[in-house]
């Protein structure tokens, strides 16, 4: 099986799991934030079947989610 990442890490994570026979319904996201409202830091954790695959931190929730998906792909050795 050959998987080519597109650069959209969230989509790539879903596609990789589908192509490798995984169940994307087992993906879950958990979010948190800290700091004052004008300097909030957002955190996102991505889990597959309750196993932590990646964590992201950024100034927006969407970007934190993207970083978490990137780390998950690294954990799964899809990208370096």
C-alpha atoms as a PDB file:
ATOM      1  CA  UNK A   1       0.000   0.000   0.000  1.00  0.00           C
ATOM      2  CA  UNK A   2       1.350   3.415  -0.938  1.00  0.00           C
ATOM      3  CA  UNK A   3       0.127   6.530   0.815  1.00  0.00           C
ATOM      4  CA  UNK A   4       1.011  10.012  -0.355  1.00  0.00           C
ATOM      5  CA  UNK A   5       0.293  12.845   2.066  1.00  0.00           C
ATOM      6  CA  UNK A   6      -1.382  15.913   0.592  1.00  0.00           C
ATOM      7  CA  UNK A   7      -0.242  18.385   3.228  1.00  0.00           C
ATOM      8  CA  UNK A   8      -3.720  18.692   4.760  1.00  0.00           C
ATOM      9  CA  UNK A   9      -2.719  16.775   7.867  1.00  0.00           C
ATOM     10  CA  UNK A  10      -6.229  16.228   9.231  1.00  0.00           C
ATOM     11  CA  UNK A  11      -7.443  14.846   5.905  1.00  0.00           C
ATOM     12  CA  UNK A  12      -4.244  12.824   5.541  1.00  0.00           C
ATOM     13  CA  UNK A  13      -4.744  11.244   8.955  1.00  0.00           C
ATOM     14  CA  UNK A  14      -8.298  10.204   8.095  1.00  0.00           C
ATOM     15  CA  UNK A  15      -7.282   8.920   4.662  1.00  0.00           C
ATOM     16  CA  UNK A  16      -4.315   6.974   5.996  1.00  0.00           C
ATOM     17  CA  UNK A  17      -6.424   5.249   8.645  1.00  0.00           C
ATOM     18  CA  UNK A  18      -9.073   4.350   6.056  1.00  0.00           C
ATOM     19  CA  UNK A  19      -6.500   2.980   3.608  1.00  0.00           C
ATOM     20  CA  UNK A  20      -4.768   0.946   6.304  1.00  0.00           C
ATOM     21  CA  UNK A  21      -8.020  -0.694   7.375  1.00  0.00           C
ATOM     22  CA  UNK A  22      -8.614   1.467  10.431  1.00  0.00           C
ATOM     23  CA  UNK A  23     -11.958   2.746  11.587  1.00  0.00           C
ATOM     24  CA  UNK A  24     -12.046   6.552  11.467  1.00  0.00           C
ATOM     25  CA  UNK A  25     -14.922   6.506  13.968  1.00  0.00           C
ATOM     26  CA  UNK A  26     -12.281   5.588  16.565  1.00  0.00           C
ATOM     27  CA  UNK A  27     -10.588   8.986  16.139  1.00  0.00           C
ATOM     28  CA  UNK A  28     -11.365  11.408  18.930  1.00  0.00           C
ATOM     29  CA  UNK A  29     -10.215  14.941  19.640  1.00  0.00           C
ATOM     30  CA  UNK A  30      -9.834  16.664  22.993  1.00  0.00           C
ATOM     31  CA  UNK A  31      -9.360  20.400  23.357  1.00  0.00           C
ATOM     32  CA  UNK A  32      -8.196  22.768  26.037  1.00  0.00           C
ATOM     33  CA  UNK A  33      -7.090  26.378  26.213  1.00  0.00           C
ATOM     34  CA  UNK A  34      -5.280  28.640  28.624  1.00  0.00           C
ATOM     35  CA  UNK A  35      -4.283  32.242  29.025  1.00  0.00           C
ATOM     36  CA  UNK A  36      -6.082  35.561  28.769  1.00  0.00           C
ATOM     37  CA  UNK A  37      -8.687  36.018  26.046  1.00  0.00           C
ATOM     38  CA  UNK A  38      -6.379  38.211  23.955  1.00  0.00           C
ATOM     39  CA  UNK A  39      -3.477  35.716  24.171  1.00  0.00           C
ATOM     40  CA  UNK A  40      -5.158  32.343  24.386  1.00  0.00           C
ATOM     41  CA  UNK A  41      -3.130  29.229  23.741  1.00  0.00           C
ATOM     42  CA  UNK A  42      -5.169  26.344  22.358  1.00  0.00           C
ATOM     43  CA  UNK A  43      -4.297  22.685  22.779  1.00  0.00           C
ATOM     44  CA  UNK A  44      -5.571  19.722  20.773  1.00  0.00           C
ATOM     45  CA  UNK A  45      -4.967  16.029  21.391  1.00  0.00           C
ATOM     46  CA  UNK A  46      -5.867  13.379  18.838  1.00  0.00           C
ATOM     47  CA  UNK A  47      -6.560   9.820  19.936  1.00  0.00           C
ATOM     48  CA  UNK A  48      -7.185   6.637  18.021  1.00  0.00           C
ATOM     49  CA  UNK A  49      -9.002   3.979  20.021  1.00  0.00           C
ATOM     50  CA  UNK A  50      -8.064   5.904  23.213  1.00  0.00           C
ATOM     51  CA  UNK A  51      -4.344   5.867  22.296  1.00  0.00           C
ATOM     52  CA  UNK A  52      -2.784   9.331  22.162  1.00  0.00           C
ATOM     53  CA  UNK A  53      -1.255   9.852  18.722  1.00  0.00           C
ATOM     54  CA  UNK A  54      -0.494  13.559  18.683  1.00  0.00           C
ATOM     55  CA  UNK A  55      -0.649  16.854  20.512  1.00  0.00           C
ATOM     56  CA  UNK A  56      -0.791  20.335  19.097  1.00  0.00           C
ATOM     57  CA  UNK A  57      -0.487  23.821  20.548  1.00  0.00           C
ATOM     58  CA  UNK A  58      -1.199  27.087  18.749  1.00  0.00           C
ATOM     59  CA  UNK A  59      -2.929  30.449  18.982  1.00  0.00           C
ATOM     60  CA  UNK A  60      -6.048  29.054  17.275  1.00  0.00           C
ATOM     61  CA  UNK A  61      -7.959  25.851  17.888  1.00  0.00           C
ATOM     62  CA  UNK A  62      -7.862  24.954  14.184  1.00  0.00           C
ATOM     63  CA  UNK A  63      -4.090  25.324  14.027  1.00  0.00           C
ATOM     64  CA  UNK A  64      -3.636  23.298  17.228  1.00  0.00           C
ATOM     65  CA  UNK A  65      -5.743  20.555  15.635  1.00  0.00           C
ATOM     66  CA  UNK A  66      -3.594  20.677  12.497  1.00  0.00           C
ATOM     67  CA  UNK A  67      -0.394  20.330  14.537  1.00  0.00           C
ATOM     68  CA  UNK A  68      -1.892  17.410  16.478  1.00  0.00           C
ATOM     69  CA  UNK A  69      -2.769  15.637  13.220  1.00  0.00           C
ATOM     70  CA  UNK A  70       0.781  16.267  11.962  1.00  0.00           C
ATOM     71  CA  UNK A  71       2.219  14.714  15.136  1.00  0.00           C
ATOM     72  CA  UNK A  72      -0.159  11.753  14.778  1.00  0.00           C
ATOM     73  CA  UNK A  73       1.127  11.140  11.246  1.00  0.00           C
ATOM     74  CA  UNK A  74       4.684  11.240  12.594  1.00  0.00           C
ATOM     75  CA  UNK A  75       3.746   8.807  15.376  1.00  0.00           C
ATOM     76  CA  UNK A  76       2.295   6.463  12.762  1.00  0.00           C
ATOM     77  CA  UNK A  77       5.466   6.938  10.664  1.00  0.00           C
ATOM     78  CA  UNK A  78       3.512   8.197   7.683  1.00  0.00           C
ATOM     79  CA  UNK A  79       5.688  11.312   7.489  1.00  0.00           C
ATOM     80  CA  UNK A  80       9.044  12.257   8.991  1.00  0.00           C
END
